[in-house]
């Protein structure tokens, strides 16, 4: 059913896609579905605030001309929306790459990994030690717990990265 709804959305003219996605989200919410449209993709996200956070990050990336950030966010969404099962690990990697691309857009320094990204952002004054520890702790928990990420983990990481990207883009 979800694939059919995505196909219908894709077949509509661009001017009508947003209103169709919004109407579908209302129906999905009323039906207590665990999926919502984020942009043009139907994904396992049921929270309005999660959807809004991701959409704000995409808008911030576009408005600040962070094309690589936007591309990585869209790739993360595509991996999370993959049918029949989300590619959670790829979604997590793309979300983290989006943060790294945002950091590069701000600092013009190419980070080696997420820890390096957070170090550079702290060194340049974009984040403080507490914010660095919070984000670093979440990402290291995922990497150290000894299991592959699930779709729920990927959603959490994607939403967290999206919020972080919006914050960083506001500093640019």
N, C-alpha and C. Protein backbone atom coordinates (compact mmCIF):
# COMPACT_ATOMS: atom_id res chain seq x y z
N UNK A 1 0.83 -1.19 0.00
CA UNK A 1 0.00 0.00 0.00
C UNK A 1 0.87 1.26 0.00
N UNK A 2 1.94 1.24 0.82
CA UNK A 2 2.81 2.43 0.88
C UNK A 2 3.47 2.71 -0.46
N UNK A 3 3.89 1.65 -1.15
CA UNK A 3 4.50 1.83 -2.46
C UNK A 3 3.50 2.44 -3.45
N UNK A 4 2.24 2.02 -3.35
CA UNK A 4 1.21 2.57 -4.22
C UNK A 4 1.03 4.06 -3.95
N UNK A 5 0.97 4.44 -2.69
CA UNK A 5 0.78 5.85 -2.34
C UNK A 5 1.96 6.69 -2.82
N UNK A 6 3.19 6.16 -2.68
CA UNK A 6 4.36 6.87 -3.20
C UNK A 6 4.30 7.02 -4.72
N UNK A 7 3.82 6.00 -5.40
CA UNK A 7 3.70 6.04 -6.85
C UNK A 7 2.68 7.09 -7.27
N UNK A 8 1.56 7.17 -6.56
CA UNK A 8 0.55 8.18 -6.86
C UNK A 8 1.15 9.57 -6.67
N UNK A 9 1.86 9.78 -5.58
CA UNK A 9 2.49 11.08 -5.34
C UNK A 9 3.43 11.44 -6.48
N UNK A 10 4.27 10.50 -6.88
CA UNK A 10 5.25 10.77 -7.94
C UNK A 10 4.58 11.08 -9.27
N UNK A 11 3.37 10.57 -9.49
CA UNK A 11 2.70 10.80 -10.76
C UNK A 11 1.97 12.15 -10.82
N UNK A 12 1.84 12.81 -9.68
CA UNK A 12 1.15 14.10 -9.64
C UNK A 12 2.08 15.22 -10.12
N UNK A 13 1.50 16.29 -10.67
CA UNK A 13 2.33 17.46 -11.00
C UNK A 13 2.97 18.01 -9.71
N UNK A 14 4.15 18.60 -9.85
CA UNK A 14 4.88 19.11 -8.69
C UNK A 14 4.03 20.03 -7.82
N UNK A 15 3.21 20.85 -8.43
CA UNK A 15 2.40 21.82 -7.68
C UNK A 15 1.40 21.15 -6.74
N UNK A 16 1.04 19.91 -7.01
CA UNK A 16 0.04 19.22 -6.20
C UNK A 16 0.63 18.20 -5.22
N UNK A 17 1.91 17.93 -5.34
CA UNK A 17 2.51 16.90 -4.51
C UNK A 17 2.51 17.24 -3.03
N UNK A 18 2.79 18.47 -2.69
CA UNK A 18 2.84 18.86 -1.28
C UNK A 18 1.47 18.71 -0.60
N UNK A 19 0.42 19.17 -1.27
CA UNK A 19 -0.91 19.05 -0.66
C UNK A 19 -1.35 17.59 -0.56
N UNK A 20 -0.97 16.77 -1.55
CA UNK A 20 -1.29 15.34 -1.48
C UNK A 20 -0.56 14.69 -0.32
N UNK A 21 0.74 14.99 -0.16
CA UNK A 21 1.52 14.42 0.95
C UNK A 21 0.95 14.85 2.29
N UNK A 22 0.56 16.11 2.41
CA UNK A 22 -0.04 16.59 3.66
C UNK A 22 -1.36 15.88 3.96
N UNK A 23 -2.18 15.70 2.94
CA UNK A 23 -3.45 14.99 3.13
C UNK A 23 -3.20 13.53 3.53
N UNK A 24 -2.23 12.90 2.89
CA UNK A 24 -1.88 11.52 3.25
C UNK A 24 -1.38 11.46 4.70
N UNK A 25 -0.57 12.40 5.09
CA UNK A 25 -0.07 12.40 6.47
C UNK A 25 -1.20 12.51 7.48
N UNK A 26 -2.22 13.30 7.17
CA UNK A 26 -3.37 13.40 8.07
C UNK A 26 -4.10 12.06 8.18
N UNK A 27 -4.30 11.41 7.05
CA UNK A 27 -4.97 10.10 7.04
C UNK A 27 -4.13 9.07 7.77
N UNK A 28 -2.81 9.09 7.52
CA UNK A 28 -1.92 8.14 8.19
C UNK A 28 -1.91 8.37 9.69
N UNK A 29 -1.95 9.63 10.10
CA UNK A 29 -1.98 9.94 11.53
C UNK A 29 -3.27 9.45 12.17
N UNK A 30 -4.39 9.72 11.52
CA UNK A 30 -5.68 9.27 12.05
C UNK A 30 -5.75 7.74 12.15
N UNK A 31 -5.11 7.07 11.19
CA UNK A 31 -5.11 5.61 11.18
C UNK A 31 -4.02 5.01 12.06
N UNK A 32 -3.31 5.87 12.80
CA UNK A 32 -2.23 5.46 13.71
C UNK A 32 -1.12 4.68 12.99
N UNK A 33 -0.88 5.07 11.75
CA UNK A 33 0.21 4.45 10.99
C UNK A 33 1.55 4.90 11.56
N UNK A 34 2.55 4.07 11.36
CA UNK A 34 3.91 4.42 11.81
C UNK A 34 4.72 5.04 10.67
N UNK A 35 4.06 5.47 9.59
CA UNK A 35 4.72 6.09 8.45
C UNK A 35 4.15 7.48 8.20
N UNK A 36 5.01 8.36 7.65
CA UNK A 36 4.60 9.69 7.22
C UNK A 36 5.44 10.07 6.00
N UNK A 37 4.90 10.97 5.19
CA UNK A 37 5.68 11.54 4.11
C UNK A 37 6.63 12.57 4.69
N UNK A 38 7.87 12.48 4.29
CA UNK A 38 8.86 13.52 4.56
C UNK A 38 9.34 13.93 3.19
N UNK A 39 8.99 15.13 2.80
CA UNK A 39 9.24 15.53 1.42
C UNK A 39 8.41 14.65 0.52
N UNK A 40 9.06 13.92 -0.35
CA UNK A 40 8.35 13.05 -1.30
C UNK A 40 8.53 11.57 -0.99
N UNK A 41 9.03 11.27 0.19
CA UNK A 41 9.29 9.87 0.56
C UNK A 41 8.43 9.47 1.75
N UNK A 42 7.88 8.29 1.69
CA UNK A 42 7.10 7.73 2.79
C UNK A 42 8.04 6.91 3.64
N UNK A 43 8.16 7.28 4.91
CA UNK A 43 9.13 6.60 5.76
C UNK A 43 8.58 6.27 7.13
N UNK A 44 9.31 5.38 7.84
CA UNK A 44 8.85 4.96 9.16
C UNK A 44 9.11 6.01 10.23
N UNK A 45 8.38 7.12 10.10
CA UNK A 45 8.45 8.20 11.08
C UNK A 45 7.02 8.62 11.35
N UNK A 46 6.61 8.55 12.60
CA UNK A 46 5.23 8.89 12.93
C UNK A 46 5.10 10.24 13.64
N UNK A 47 6.19 10.79 14.10
CA UNK A 47 6.16 12.02 14.89
C UNK A 47 6.17 13.25 14.00
N UNK A 48 5.21 14.14 14.23
CA UNK A 48 5.17 15.41 13.48
C UNK A 48 6.44 16.22 13.73
N UNK A 49 6.93 16.19 14.95
CA UNK A 49 8.13 16.98 15.26
C UNK A 49 9.36 16.41 14.56
N UNK A 50 9.44 15.09 14.42
CA UNK A 50 10.55 14.49 13.68
C UNK A 50 10.51 14.89 12.21
N UNK A 51 9.33 14.84 11.62
CA UNK A 51 9.17 15.24 10.22
C UNK A 51 9.56 16.70 10.07
N UNK A 52 9.07 17.55 10.96
CA UNK A 52 9.37 18.98 10.88
C UNK A 52 10.86 19.25 11.05
N UNK A 53 11.53 18.52 11.94
CA UNK A 53 12.96 18.70 12.15
C UNK A 53 13.74 18.38 10.88
N UNK A 54 13.40 17.29 10.24
CA UNK A 54 14.09 16.90 9.00
C UNK A 54 13.82 17.92 7.89
N UNK A 55 12.57 18.34 7.77
CA UNK A 55 12.23 19.31 6.73
C UNK A 55 12.91 20.65 6.97
N UNK A 56 13.04 21.07 8.23
CA UNK A 56 13.77 22.31 8.55
C UNK A 56 15.24 22.20 8.16
N UNK A 57 15.84 21.04 8.39
CA UNK A 57 17.24 20.84 8.03
C UNK A 57 17.42 20.92 6.52
N UNK A 58 16.52 20.30 5.78
CA UNK A 58 16.60 20.38 4.32
C UNK A 58 16.46 21.82 3.83
N UNK A 59 15.54 22.55 4.42
CA UNK A 59 15.35 23.95 4.06
C UNK A 59 16.58 24.79 4.42
N UNK A 60 17.15 24.54 5.59
CA UNK A 60 18.35 25.28 6.02
C UNK A 60 19.51 24.98 5.07
N UNK A 61 19.67 23.72 4.68
CA UNK A 61 20.75 23.35 3.76
C UNK A 61 20.58 24.05 2.42
N UNK A 62 19.34 24.09 1.93
CA UNK A 62 19.09 24.78 0.66
C UNK A 62 19.35 26.27 0.78
N UNK A 63 18.85 26.88 1.85
CA UNK A 63 18.98 28.33 1.98
C UNK A 63 20.43 28.77 2.20
N UNK A 64 21.24 27.92 2.80
CA UNK A 64 22.65 28.24 3.03
C UNK A 64 23.55 27.68 1.92
N UNK A 65 22.93 27.13 0.90
CA UNK A 65 23.63 26.58 -0.26
C UNK A 65 24.64 25.50 0.14
N UNK A 66 24.20 24.61 1.02
CA UNK A 66 25.00 23.47 1.45
C UNK A 66 24.52 22.24 0.68
N UNK A 67 24.89 22.20 -0.59
CA UNK A 67 24.38 21.15 -1.49
C UNK A 67 24.78 19.75 -1.03
N UNK A 68 26.00 19.58 -0.53
CA UNK A 68 26.43 18.26 -0.07
C UNK A 68 25.62 17.82 1.15
N UNK A 69 25.33 18.76 2.03
CA UNK A 69 24.52 18.45 3.21
C UNK A 69 23.14 17.98 2.77
N UNK A 70 22.53 18.74 1.88
CA UNK A 70 21.19 18.37 1.39
C UNK A 70 21.22 17.00 0.72
N UNK A 71 22.23 16.76 -0.09
CA UNK A 71 22.34 15.48 -0.78
C UNK A 71 22.45 14.32 0.20
N UNK A 72 23.27 14.47 1.23
CA UNK A 72 23.42 13.41 2.22
C UNK A 72 22.13 13.20 3.02
N UNK A 73 21.44 14.28 3.35
CA UNK A 73 20.16 14.14 4.05
C UNK A 73 19.14 13.39 3.18
N UNK A 74 19.08 13.75 1.91
CA UNK A 74 18.15 13.07 1.00
C UNK A 74 18.52 11.60 0.84
N UNK A 75 19.81 11.31 0.79
CA UNK A 75 20.24 9.90 0.72
C UNK A 75 19.86 9.14 1.98
N UNK A 76 20.03 9.79 3.14
CA UNK A 76 19.64 9.15 4.41
C UNK A 76 18.15 8.84 4.41
N UNK A 77 17.36 9.80 3.94
CA UNK A 77 15.91 9.58 3.85
C UNK A 77 15.59 8.42 2.90
N UNK A 78 16.28 8.37 1.78
CA UNK A 78 16.03 7.30 0.81
C UNK A 78 16.35 5.93 1.42
N UNK A 79 17.45 5.85 2.16
CA UNK A 79 17.81 4.57 2.79
C UNK A 79 16.79 4.19 3.88
N UNK A 80 16.31 5.18 4.61
CA UNK A 80 15.32 4.90 5.65
C UNK A 80 13.98 4.50 5.04
N UNK A 81 13.69 5.03 3.85
CA UNK A 81 12.42 4.74 3.18
C UNK A 81 12.48 3.49 2.31
N UNK A 82 13.64 2.85 2.21
CA UNK A 82 13.79 1.69 1.33
C UNK A 82 12.76 0.62 1.68
N UNK A 83 12.20 0.03 0.65
CA UNK A 83 11.20 -1.02 0.81
C UNK A 83 11.79 -2.33 0.33
N UNK A 84 11.52 -3.45 0.89
CA UNK A 84 10.57 -3.69 1.96
C UNK A 84 11.13 -3.40 3.35
N UNK A 85 12.44 -3.17 3.45
CA UNK A 85 13.03 -2.92 4.76
C UNK A 85 14.04 -1.79 4.64
N UNK A 86 14.03 -0.91 5.65
CA UNK A 86 14.96 0.22 5.66
C UNK A 86 16.41 -0.27 5.73
N UNK A 87 17.30 0.46 5.06
CA UNK A 87 18.73 0.20 5.16
C UNK A 87 19.24 1.14 6.26
N UNK A 88 19.07 0.71 7.50
CA UNK A 88 19.34 1.57 8.65
C UNK A 88 20.81 1.98 8.73
N UNK A 89 21.70 1.06 8.47
CA UNK A 89 23.12 1.38 8.57
C UNK A 89 23.52 2.46 7.55
N UNK A 90 23.04 2.34 6.34
CA UNK A 90 23.34 3.35 5.32
C UNK A 90 22.70 4.69 5.67
N UNK A 91 21.50 4.66 6.25
CA UNK A 91 20.84 5.90 6.66
C UNK A 91 21.64 6.62 7.74
N UNK A 92 22.17 5.86 8.69
CA UNK A 92 22.99 6.44 9.75
C UNK A 92 24.25 7.06 9.16
N UNK A 93 24.92 6.33 8.28
CA UNK A 93 26.15 6.85 7.67
C UNK A 93 25.89 8.13 6.89
N UNK A 94 24.80 8.17 6.14
CA UNK A 94 24.48 9.37 5.35
C UNK A 94 24.12 10.54 6.26
N UNK A 95 23.42 10.29 7.35
CA UNK A 95 23.07 11.37 8.28
C UNK A 95 24.34 11.97 8.90
N UNK A 96 25.28 11.12 9.25
CA UNK A 96 26.54 11.60 9.82
C UNK A 96 27.35 12.34 8.76
N UNK A 97 27.33 11.86 7.53
CA UNK A 97 28.03 12.57 6.44
C UNK A 97 27.41 13.95 6.22
N UNK A 98 26.11 14.06 6.44
CA UNK A 98 25.45 15.37 6.31
C UNK A 98 25.99 16.34 7.35
N UNK A 99 26.19 15.86 8.57
CA UNK A 99 26.77 16.72 9.62
C UNK A 99 28.19 17.11 9.22
N UNK A 100 28.96 16.16 8.72
CA UNK A 100 30.34 16.45 8.31
C UNK A 100 30.36 17.46 7.16
N UNK A 101 29.45 17.33 6.22
CA UNK A 101 29.37 18.28 5.10
C UNK A 101 29.01 19.68 5.59
N UNK A 102 28.13 19.74 6.58
CA UNK A 102 27.76 21.04 7.15
C UNK A 102 28.96 21.68 7.84
N UNK A 103 29.69 20.87 8.59
CA UNK A 103 30.89 21.38 9.27
C UNK A 103 31.90 21.89 8.24
N UNK A 104 32.08 21.15 7.16
CA UNK A 104 32.99 21.61 6.11
C UNK A 104 32.52 22.93 5.52
N UNK A 105 31.21 23.06 5.30
CA UNK A 105 30.65 24.30 4.78
C UNK A 105 30.91 25.49 5.69
N UNK A 106 30.96 25.24 6.98
CA UNK A 106 31.21 26.32 7.96
C UNK A 106 32.69 26.62 8.15
N UNK A 107 33.49 25.58 8.23
CA UNK A 107 34.90 25.73 8.63
C UNK A 107 35.89 25.64 7.48
N UNK A 108 35.46 25.07 6.37
CA UNK A 108 36.33 24.80 5.22
C UNK A 108 37.47 23.85 5.57
N UNK A 109 37.31 23.10 6.65
CA UNK A 109 38.27 22.06 7.03
C UNK A 109 37.58 20.71 6.83
N UNK A 110 38.27 19.81 6.15
CA UNK A 110 37.72 18.48 5.85
C UNK A 110 37.96 17.56 7.04
N UNK A 111 36.89 17.17 7.75
CA UNK A 111 37.07 16.26 8.89
C UNK A 111 37.31 14.83 8.43
N UNK A 112 38.05 14.09 9.26
CA UNK A 112 38.34 12.69 8.95
C UNK A 112 37.18 11.77 9.34
N UNK A 113 36.54 12.10 10.46
CA UNK A 113 35.44 11.28 10.96
C UNK A 113 34.56 12.18 11.84
N UNK A 114 33.56 11.59 12.47
CA UNK A 114 32.65 12.40 13.27
C UNK A 114 33.34 13.04 14.47
N UNK A 115 34.22 12.31 15.13
CA UNK A 115 34.93 12.88 16.27
C UNK A 115 35.75 14.09 15.84
N UNK A 116 36.41 13.98 14.69
CA UNK A 116 37.19 15.09 14.15
C UNK A 116 36.27 16.26 13.81
N UNK A 117 35.11 15.97 13.26
CA UNK A 117 34.13 17.01 12.94
C UNK A 117 33.75 17.79 14.20
N UNK A 118 33.43 17.06 15.25
CA UNK A 118 33.03 17.72 16.51
C UNK A 118 34.19 18.52 17.10
N UNK A 119 35.41 17.99 17.00
CA UNK A 119 36.59 18.71 17.49
C UNK A 119 36.77 20.03 16.74
N UNK A 120 36.66 19.98 15.42
CA UNK A 120 36.82 21.18 14.60
C UNK A 120 35.74 22.21 14.94
N UNK A 121 34.50 21.75 15.07
CA UNK A 121 33.41 22.67 15.39
C UNK A 121 33.61 23.32 16.76
N UNK A 122 34.10 22.55 17.72
CA UNK A 122 34.37 23.12 19.04
C UNK A 122 35.54 24.11 18.97
N UNK A 123 36.59 23.72 18.28
CA UNK A 123 37.77 24.58 18.16
C UNK A 123 37.44 25.91 17.50
N UNK A 124 36.55 25.90 16.51
CA UNK A 124 36.17 27.12 15.78
C UNK A 124 35.07 27.91 16.49
N UNK A 125 34.57 27.38 17.62
CA UNK A 125 33.58 28.11 18.39
C UNK A 125 32.14 27.93 17.95
N UNK A 126 31.86 26.93 17.12
CA UNK A 126 30.49 26.70 16.67
C UNK A 126 29.67 25.91 17.69
N UNK A 127 30.35 25.09 18.49
CA UNK A 127 29.68 24.34 19.55
C UNK A 127 30.53 24.39 20.81
N UNK A 128 29.90 24.16 21.94
CA UNK A 128 30.66 24.11 23.19
C UNK A 128 30.89 22.65 23.59
N UNK A 129 31.61 22.47 24.66
CA UNK A 129 31.99 21.11 25.09
C UNK A 129 30.77 20.25 25.42
N UNK A 130 29.75 20.85 26.02
CA UNK A 130 28.55 20.08 26.39
C UNK A 130 27.82 19.57 25.15
N UNK A 131 27.66 20.42 24.14
CA UNK A 131 26.99 20.00 22.91
C UNK A 131 27.83 18.95 22.18
N UNK A 132 29.13 19.13 22.20
CA UNK A 132 30.04 18.14 21.59
C UNK A 132 29.89 16.79 22.29
N UNK A 133 29.85 16.80 23.61
CA UNK A 133 29.74 15.55 24.37
C UNK A 133 28.39 14.87 24.10
N UNK A 134 27.33 15.66 24.02
CA UNK A 134 26.01 15.08 23.79
C UNK A 134 25.95 14.36 22.44
N UNK A 135 26.39 15.03 21.40
CA UNK A 135 26.34 14.42 20.07
C UNK A 135 27.35 13.29 19.95
N UNK A 136 28.54 13.49 20.46
CA UNK A 136 29.56 12.45 20.41
C UNK A 136 29.13 11.20 21.17
N UNK A 137 28.48 11.38 22.31
CA UNK A 137 28.02 10.25 23.11
C UNK A 137 26.95 9.44 22.41
N UNK A 138 26.02 10.11 21.76
CA UNK A 138 24.95 9.41 21.05
C UNK A 138 25.52 8.58 19.92
N UNK A 139 26.41 9.16 19.14
CA UNK A 139 26.94 8.45 18.00
C UNK A 139 27.87 7.33 18.43
N UNK A 140 28.64 7.54 19.48
CA UNK A 140 29.55 6.48 19.92
C UNK A 140 28.75 5.33 20.54
N UNK A 141 27.63 5.63 21.21
CA UNK A 141 26.77 4.57 21.75
C UNK A 141 26.33 3.65 20.62
N UNK A 142 25.92 4.24 19.52
CA UNK A 142 25.44 3.43 18.40
C UNK A 142 26.55 2.55 17.84
N UNK A 143 27.74 3.09 17.75
CA UNK A 143 28.84 2.34 17.19
C UNK A 143 29.42 1.28 18.12
N UNK A 144 29.25 1.47 19.43
CA UNK A 144 29.89 0.58 20.39
C UNK A 144 28.98 -0.47 21.00
N UNK A 145 27.70 -0.44 20.68
CA UNK A 145 26.81 -1.37 21.36
C UNK A 145 26.79 -2.76 20.72
N UNK A 146 27.58 -2.98 19.67
CA UNK A 146 27.77 -4.31 19.14
C UNK A 146 26.66 -4.87 18.27
N UNK A 147 25.77 -4.05 17.79
CA UNK A 147 24.72 -4.56 16.91
C UNK A 147 24.52 -3.60 15.75
N UNK A 148 23.94 -4.13 14.70
CA UNK A 148 23.61 -3.27 13.57
C UNK A 148 22.46 -2.36 13.97
N UNK A 149 22.47 -1.12 13.47
CA UNK A 149 21.36 -0.23 13.81
C UNK A 149 20.04 -0.72 13.21
N UNK A 150 18.97 -0.50 13.93
CA UNK A 150 17.62 -0.80 13.44
C UNK A 150 17.04 0.48 12.84
N UNK A 151 15.90 0.36 12.21
CA UNK A 151 15.24 1.53 11.62
C UNK A 151 14.96 2.59 12.69
N UNK A 152 14.60 2.17 13.89
CA UNK A 152 14.33 3.13 14.98
C UNK A 152 15.61 3.89 15.35
N UNK A 153 16.74 3.19 15.37
CA UNK A 153 18.02 3.85 15.65
C UNK A 153 18.34 4.85 14.55
N UNK A 154 18.14 4.44 13.31
CA UNK A 154 18.43 5.31 12.17
C UNK A 154 17.56 6.56 12.21
N UNK A 155 16.28 6.38 12.55
CA UNK A 155 15.39 7.53 12.66
C UNK A 155 15.89 8.49 13.73
N UNK A 156 16.28 7.97 14.89
CA UNK A 156 16.78 8.80 15.97
C UNK A 156 18.03 9.56 15.55
N UNK A 157 18.97 8.88 14.93
CA UNK A 157 20.21 9.51 14.47
C UNK A 157 19.90 10.55 13.40
N UNK A 158 19.04 10.22 12.45
CA UNK A 158 18.69 11.16 11.39
C UNK A 158 18.05 12.43 11.94
N UNK A 159 17.12 12.27 12.85
CA UNK A 159 16.45 13.44 13.43
C UNK A 159 17.44 14.27 14.26
N UNK A 160 18.31 13.60 15.01
CA UNK A 160 19.31 14.31 15.80
C UNK A 160 20.27 15.07 14.89
N UNK A 161 20.73 14.41 13.84
CA UNK A 161 21.63 15.07 12.89
C UNK A 161 20.92 16.25 12.20
N UNK A 162 19.67 16.07 11.85
CA UNK A 162 18.91 17.14 11.20
C UNK A 162 18.80 18.35 12.13
N UNK A 163 18.50 18.13 13.39
CA UNK A 163 18.43 19.23 14.33
C UNK A 163 19.78 19.93 14.48
N UNK A 164 20.84 19.15 14.52
CA UNK A 164 22.20 19.69 14.65
C UNK A 164 22.56 20.50 13.41
N UNK A 165 22.19 20.00 12.24
CA UNK A 165 22.45 20.72 10.99
C UNK A 165 21.71 22.05 10.95
N UNK A 166 20.46 22.04 11.38
CA UNK A 166 19.70 23.29 11.42
C UNK A 166 20.35 24.30 12.34
N UNK A 167 20.81 23.81 13.50
CA UNK A 167 21.51 24.68 14.45
C UNK A 167 22.77 25.26 13.83
N UNK A 168 23.59 24.40 13.22
CA UNK A 168 24.85 24.86 12.62
C UNK A 168 24.60 25.82 11.45
N UNK A 169 23.61 25.52 10.63
CA UNK A 169 23.30 26.37 9.49
C UNK A 169 22.86 27.77 9.95
N UNK A 170 22.22 27.82 11.09
CA UNK A 170 21.82 29.12 11.65
C UNK A 170 23.01 29.96 12.11
N UNK A 171 24.15 29.32 12.32
CA UNK A 171 25.36 30.04 12.74
C UNK A 171 26.16 30.55 11.56
N UNK A 172 25.85 30.03 10.38
CA UNK A 172 26.63 30.41 9.19
C UNK A 172 26.33 31.82 8.74
